[in-house]
């Protein structure tokens, strides 16, 4: 495998590992927001922002964690037949399916970029009493799709390496298994 391909895989997986580990902690932020919501309702002064902020944080949690999940092999897959295949056949199947994933993610990224640009242009706000600006969450969605595409390409390179009989060392041995 060319050095640039190995460097690409290592750098993208390092980046997505770090972002994914950060995203894991957003779950605690969601819990804190919902706890605050519960406490304010008990004292009969409910906050207007808690439900929407919890939803935004949840979107950031699962979208920023998606490339990390793919890296760990924790994504949803039909393992009925796949798990029984030899490693090389799994790599060939992955190479075939990764192009479908890349097409899907490309369409999603295109829509996300368009929606984010529109949100910036018109200073779009949520139609609620709190009326937060929508561009921050749309920007997170756009970045997440871009990271997912980068991770999918890293997967493709890793699968091509398997077919060539080359193993690319995982950046966080023991933690990132396939």
C-alpha atoms as a PDB file:
ATOM      1  CA  UNK A   1       0.000   0.000   0.000  1.00  0.00           C
ATOM      2  CA  UNK A   2       1.271   3.507  -0.730  1.00  0.00           C
ATOM      3  CA  UNK A   3       2.473   5.511   2.253  1.00  0.00           C
ATOM      4  CA  UNK A   4      -0.126   8.226   1.622  1.00  0.00           C
ATOM      5  CA  UNK A   5      -2.933   5.644   1.884  1.00  0.00           C
ATOM      6  CA  UNK A   6      -1.644   4.289   5.177  1.00  0.00           C
ATOM      7  CA  UNK A   7      -1.157   7.832   6.498  1.00  0.00           C
ATOM      8  CA  UNK A   8      -4.679   8.760   5.374  1.00  0.00           C
ATOM      9  CA  UNK A   9      -6.234   5.790   7.187  1.00  0.00           C
ATOM     10  CA  UNK A  10      -4.272   6.444  10.382  1.00  0.00           C
ATOM     11  CA  UNK A  11      -4.995  10.183  10.436  1.00  0.00           C
ATOM     12  CA  UNK A  12      -8.713   9.855   9.681  1.00  0.00           C
ATOM     13  CA  UNK A  13      -9.136   7.075  12.217  1.00  0.00           C
ATOM     14  CA  UNK A  14      -7.228   9.100  14.821  1.00  0.00           C
ATOM     15  CA  UNK A  15      -9.470  12.131  14.164  1.00  0.00           C
ATOM     16  CA  UNK A  16     -12.709  10.136  14.240  1.00  0.00           C
ATOM     17  CA  UNK A  17     -11.567   8.283  17.352  1.00  0.00           C
ATOM     18  CA  UNK A  18     -11.004  11.556  19.202  1.00  0.00           C
ATOM     19  CA  UNK A  19     -14.279  13.111  18.028  1.00  0.00           C
ATOM     20  CA  UNK A  20     -16.171   9.906  18.811  1.00  0.00           C
ATOM     21  CA  UNK A  21     -14.758   9.753  22.330  1.00  0.00           C
ATOM     22  CA  UNK A  22     -15.787  13.390  22.837  1.00  0.00           C
ATOM     23  CA  UNK A  23     -19.263  12.662  21.488  1.00  0.00           C
ATOM     24  CA  UNK A  24     -19.714   9.879  24.039  1.00  0.00           C
ATOM     25  CA  UNK A  25     -19.679  12.473  26.805  1.00  0.00           C
ATOM     26  CA  UNK A  26     -22.518  14.413  25.201  1.00  0.00           C
ATOM     27  CA  UNK A  27     -24.798  11.785  26.723  1.00  0.00           C
ATOM     28  CA  UNK A  28     -24.006  13.270  30.141  1.00  0.00           C
ATOM     29  CA  UNK A  29     -24.905  16.726  28.841  1.00  0.00           C
ATOM     30  CA  UNK A  30     -28.243  15.372  27.596  1.00  0.00           C
ATOM     31  CA  UNK A  31     -28.902  13.852  31.017  1.00  0.00           C
ATOM     32  CA  UNK A  32     -28.027  17.127  32.751  1.00  0.00           C
ATOM     33  CA  UNK A  33     -30.364  19.085  30.472  1.00  0.00           C
ATOM     34  CA  UNK A  34     -33.221  16.661  31.072  1.00  0.00           C
ATOM     35  CA  UNK A  35     -32.537  16.642  34.826  1.00  0.00           C
ATOM     36  CA  UNK A  36     -32.679  20.442  34.811  1.00  0.00           C
ATOM     37  CA  UNK A  37     -35.956  20.240  32.926  1.00  0.00           C
ATOM     38  CA  UNK A  38     -37.396  17.878  35.537  1.00  0.00           C
ATOM     39  CA  UNK A  39     -36.251  20.026  38.447  1.00  0.00           C
ATOM     40  CA  UNK A  40     -37.698  23.219  36.982  1.00  0.00           C
ATOM     41  CA  UNK A  41     -41.015  21.489  36.325  1.00  0.00           C
ATOM     42  CA  UNK A  42     -41.194  20.333  39.953  1.00  0.00           C
ATOM     43  CA  UNK A  43     -40.839  23.963  41.068  1.00  0.00           C
ATOM     44  CA  UNK A  44     -43.444  25.008  38.469  1.00  0.00           C
ATOM     45  CA  UNK A  45     -41.039  27.198  36.458  1.00  0.00           C
ATOM     46  CA  UNK A  46     -40.355  25.040  33.389  1.00  0.00           C
ATOM     47  CA  UNK A  47     -37.578  26.089  31.061  1.00  0.00           C
ATOM     48  CA  UNK A  48     -38.473  26.721  27.447  1.00  0.00           C
ATOM     49  CA  UNK A  49     -35.113  25.631  26.080  1.00  0.00           C
ATOM     50  CA  UNK A  50     -34.565  22.193  27.626  1.00  0.00           C
ATOM     51  CA  UNK A  51     -36.438  19.897  25.239  1.00  0.00           C
ATOM     52  CA  UNK A  52     -35.024  21.510  22.105  1.00  0.00           C
ATOM     53  CA  UNK A  53     -31.509  21.665  23.519  1.00  0.00           C
ATOM     54  CA  UNK A  54     -31.694  17.987  24.482  1.00  0.00           C
ATOM     55  CA  UNK A  55     -32.792  17.170  20.932  1.00  0.00           C
ATOM     56  CA  UNK A  56     -29.933  19.192  19.411  1.00  0.00           C
ATOM     57  CA  UNK A  57     -27.434  17.528  21.739  1.00  0.00           C
ATOM     58  CA  UNK A  58     -28.811  14.094  20.856  1.00  0.00           C
ATOM     59  CA  UNK A  59     -28.367  14.827  17.141  1.00  0.00           C
ATOM     60  CA  UNK A  60     -24.759  15.875  17.790  1.00  0.00           C
ATOM     61  CA  UNK A  61     -24.239  12.765  19.950  1.00  0.00           C
ATOM     62  CA  UNK A  62     -25.301  10.202  17.383  1.00  0.00           C
ATOM     63  CA  UNK A  63     -24.040  11.956  14.248  1.00  0.00           C
ATOM     64  CA  UNK A  64     -20.592  12.824  15.628  1.00  0.00           C
ATOM     65  CA  UNK A  65     -20.378   9.296  17.020  1.00  0.00           C
ATOM     66  CA  UNK A  66     -21.314   7.621  13.719  1.00  0.00           C
ATOM     67  CA  UNK A  67     -17.790   7.579  12.167  1.00  0.00           C
ATOM     68  CA  UNK A  68     -16.386   6.250  15.467  1.00  0.00           C
ATOM     69  CA  UNK A  69     -19.072   3.566  15.497  1.00  0.00           C
ATOM     70  CA  UNK A  70     -18.133   2.589  11.949  1.00  0.00           C
ATOM     71  CA  UNK A  71     -14.489   2.470  12.949  1.00  0.00           C
ATOM     72  CA  UNK A  72     -15.291   0.112  15.831  1.00  0.00           C
ATOM     73  CA  UNK A  73     -17.432  -2.099  13.609  1.00  0.00           C
ATOM     74  CA  UNK A  74     -20.407  -1.359  15.870  1.00  0.00           C
ATOM     75  CA  UNK A  75     -22.589  -0.227  12.990  1.00  0.00           C
ATOM     76  CA  UNK A  76     -25.666  -2.230  12.014  1.00  0.00           C
ATOM     77  CA  UNK A  77     -24.950  -4.991   9.525  1.00  0.00           C
ATOM     78  CA  UNK A  78     -26.619  -8.232   8.456  1.00  0.00           C
ATOM     79  CA  UNK A  79     -24.139 -10.640  10.020  1.00  0.00           C
ATOM     80  CA  UNK A  80     -26.129 -13.749   9.170  1.00  0.00           C
ATOM     81  CA  UNK A  81     -23.944 -14.499   6.158  1.00  0.00           C
ATOM     82  CA  UNK A  82     -21.209 -11.870   6.516  1.00  0.00           C
ATOM     83  CA  UNK A  83     -19.805 -13.208   9.798  1.00  0.00           C
ATOM     84  CA  UNK A  84     -19.294 -16.661   8.261  1.00  0.00           C
ATOM     85  CA  UNK A  85     -17.297 -15.339   5.320  1.00  0.00           C
ATOM     86  CA  UNK A  86     -13.492 -15.443   5.274  1.00  0.00           C
ATOM     87  CA  UNK A  87     -11.753 -12.095   5.819  1.00  0.00           C
ATOM     88  CA  UNK A  88     -10.921 -11.611   2.118  1.00  0.00           C
ATOM     89  CA  UNK A  89     -14.516 -12.222   1.046  1.00  0.00           C
ATOM     90  CA  UNK A  90     -15.731  -9.814   3.734  1.00  0.00           C
ATOM     91  CA  UNK A  91     -13.319  -7.227   2.315  1.00  0.00           C
ATOM     92  CA  UNK A  92     -14.667  -7.800  -1.210  1.00  0.00           C
ATOM     93  CA  UNK A  93     -18.251  -7.454   0.009  1.00  0.00           C
ATOM     94  CA  UNK A  94     -17.315  -4.293   1.931  1.00  0.00           C
ATOM     95  CA  UNK A  95     -15.690  -2.792  -1.172  1.00  0.00           C
ATOM     96  CA  UNK A  96     -18.899  -3.392  -3.113  1.00  0.00           C
ATOM     97  CA  UNK A  97     -21.191  -1.963  -0.425  1.00  0.00           C
ATOM     98  CA  UNK A  98     -18.957   0.987   0.471  1.00  0.00           C
ATOM     99  CA  UNK A  99     -19.732   2.597  -2.885  1.00  0.00           C
ATOM    100  CA  UNK A 100     -23.456   2.481  -2.062  1.00  0.00           C
ATOM    101  CA  UNK A 101     -22.667   4.058   1.317  1.00  0.00           C
ATOM    102  CA  UNK A 102     -20.489   6.739  -0.282  1.00  0.00           C
ATOM    103  CA  UNK A 103     -23.241   7.610  -2.759  1.00  0.00           C
ATOM    104  CA  UNK A 104     -25.795   7.872   0.062  1.00  0.00           C
ATOM    105  CA  UNK A 105     -23.475   9.959   2.245  1.00  0.00           C
ATOM    106  CA  UNK A 106     -22.597  12.184  -0.725  1.00  0.00           C
ATOM    107  CA  UNK A 107     -26.274  12.959  -1.307  1.00  0.00           C
ATOM    108  CA  UNK A 108     -26.780  13.594   2.417  1.00  0.00           C
ATOM    109  CA  UNK A 109     -23.711  15.866   2.551  1.00  0.00           C
ATOM    110  CA  UNK A 110     -24.921  17.808  -0.464  1.00  0.00           C
ATOM    111  CA  UNK A 111     -28.293  18.390   1.205  1.00  0.00           C
ATOM    112  CA  UNK A 112     -26.654  19.257   4.518  1.00  0.00           C
ATOM    113  CA  UNK A 113     -24.321  21.829   2.925  1.00  0.00           C
ATOM    114  CA  UNK A 114     -27.240  23.395   1.052  1.00  0.00           C
ATOM    115  CA  UNK A 115     -29.400  23.498   4.187  1.00  0.00           C
ATOM    116  CA  UNK A 116     -26.587  24.937   6.304  1.00  0.00           C
ATOM    117  CA  UNK A 117     -25.822  27.655   3.744  1.00  0.00           C
ATOM    118  CA  UNK A 118     -29.519  28.546   3.580  1.00  0.00           C
ATOM    119  CA  UNK A 119     -29.684  28.666   7.374  1.00  0.00           C
ATOM    120  CA  UNK A 120     -26.738  31.103   7.452  1.00  0.00           C
ATOM    121  CA  UNK A 121     -28.199  33.282   4.700  1.00  0.00           C
ATOM    122  CA  UNK A 122     -31.590  33.841   6.266  1.00  0.00           C
ATOM    123  CA  UNK A 123     -30.546  33.567   9.932  1.00  0.00           C
ATOM    124  CA  UNK A 124     -32.957  30.655  10.304  1.00  0.00           C
ATOM    125  CA  UNK A 125     -34.424  30.049  13.735  1.00  0.00           C
ATOM    126  CA  UNK A 126     -36.459  27.205  15.170  1.00  0.00           C
ATOM    127  CA  UNK A 127     -40.230  27.820  15.216  1.00  0.00           C
ATOM    128  CA  UNK A 128     -40.550  27.569  18.998  1.00  0.00           C
ATOM    129  CA  UNK A 129     -40.917  29.927  21.928  1.00  0.00           C
ATOM    130  CA  UNK A 130     -37.165  29.783  22.559  1.00  0.00           C
ATOM    131  CA  UNK A 131     -36.299  30.385  18.852  1.00  0.00           C
ATOM    132  CA  UNK A 132     -32.641  29.248  18.822  1.00  0.00           C
ATOM    133  CA  UNK A 133     -30.610  29.712  15.636  1.00  0.00           C
ATOM    134  CA  UNK A 134     -30.462  26.513  13.599  1.00  0.00           C
ATOM    135  CA  UNK A 135     -27.108  27.003  11.887  1.00  0.00           C
ATOM    136  CA  UNK A 136     -25.011  25.453  14.733  1.00  0.00           C
ATOM    137  CA  UNK A 137     -26.785  22.096  14.623  1.00  0.00           C
ATOM    138  CA  UNK A 138     -26.899  22.140  10.827  1.00  0.00           C
ATOM    139  CA  UNK A 139     -23.158  22.796  10.765  1.00  0.00           C
ATOM    140  CA  UNK A 140     -22.608  19.829  13.094  1.00  0.00           C
ATOM    141  CA  UNK A 141     -24.717  17.665  10.769  1.00  0.00           C
ATOM    142  CA  UNK A 142     -22.660  18.791   7.755  1.00  0.00           C
ATOM    143  CA  UNK A 143     -19.346  18.127   9.499  1.00  0.00           C
ATOM    144  CA  UNK A 144     -20.615  14.722  10.655  1.00  0.00           C
ATOM    145  CA  UNK A 145     -21.494  13.631   7.123  1.00  0.00           C
ATOM    146  CA  UNK A 146     -18.083  14.800   5.894  1.00  0.00           C
ATOM    147  CA  UNK A 147     -16.363  12.810   8.674  1.00  0.00           C
ATOM    148  CA  UNK A 148     -18.466   9.782   7.801  1.00  0.00           C
ATOM    149  CA  UNK A 149     -17.368   9.997   4.157  1.00  0.00           C
ATOM    150  CA  UNK A 150     -13.720  10.268   5.231  1.00  0.00           C
ATOM    151  CA  UNK A 151     -14.157   7.218   7.483  1.00  0.00           C
ATOM    152  CA  UNK A 152     -15.843   5.251   4.683  1.00  0.00           C
ATOM    153  CA  UNK A 153     -12.893   5.998   2.375  1.00  0.00           C
ATOM    154  CA  UNK A 154     -10.514   4.864   5.139  1.00  0.00           C
ATOM    155  CA  UNK A 155     -12.534   1.637   5.342  1.00  0.00           C
ATOM    156  CA  UNK A 156     -12.254   1.222   1.580  1.00  0.00           C
ATOM    157  CA  UNK A 157      -8.471   1.638   1.714  1.00  0.00           C
ATOM    158  CA  UNK A 158      -8.256  -0.820   4.618  1.00  0.00           C
ATOM    159  CA  UNK A 159     -10.304  -3.390   2.642  1.00  0.00           C
ATOM    160  CA  UNK A 160      -8.126  -2.964  -0.456  1.00  0.00           C
ATOM    161  CA  UNK A 161      -5.095  -3.530   1.784  1.00  0.00           C
ATOM    162  CA  UNK A 162      -6.651  -6.771   3.063  1.00  0.00           C
ATOM    163  CA  UNK A 163      -7.122  -7.971  -0.528  1.00  0.00           C
ATOM    164  CA  UNK A 164      -3.474  -7.170  -1.224  1.00  0.00           C
ATOM    165  CA  UNK A 165      -2.381  -9.074   1.875  1.00  0.00           C
ATOM    166  CA  UNK A 166      -1.269  -5.962   3.736  1.00  0.00           C
ATOM    167  CA  UNK A 167      -2.427  -5.145   7.231  1.00  0.00           C
ATOM    168  CA  UNK A 168      -2.685  -1.497   8.244  1.00  0.00           C
ATOM    169  CA  UNK A 169      -2.051  -1.210  11.964  1.00  0.00           C
ATOM    170  CA  UNK A 170      -4.981   0.149  13.896  1.00  0.00           C
ATOM    171  CA  UNK A 171      -4.289   3.455  15.622  1.00  0.00           C
ATOM    172  CA  UNK A 172      -5.708   2.340  18.965  1.00  0.00           C
ATOM    173  CA  UNK A 173      -4.953  -1.370  19.184  1.00  0.00           C
ATOM    174  CA  UNK A 174      -7.335  -3.213  21.445  1.00  0.00           C
ATOM    175  CA  UNK A 175      -9.935  -0.469  21.389  1.00  0.00           C
ATOM    176  CA  UNK A 176     -10.736  -0.307  17.670  1.00  0.00           C
ATOM    177  CA  UNK A 177     -11.560  -3.796  16.458  1.00  0.00           C
ATOM    178  CA  UNK A 178     -13.160  -4.817  13.246  1.00  0.00           C
END
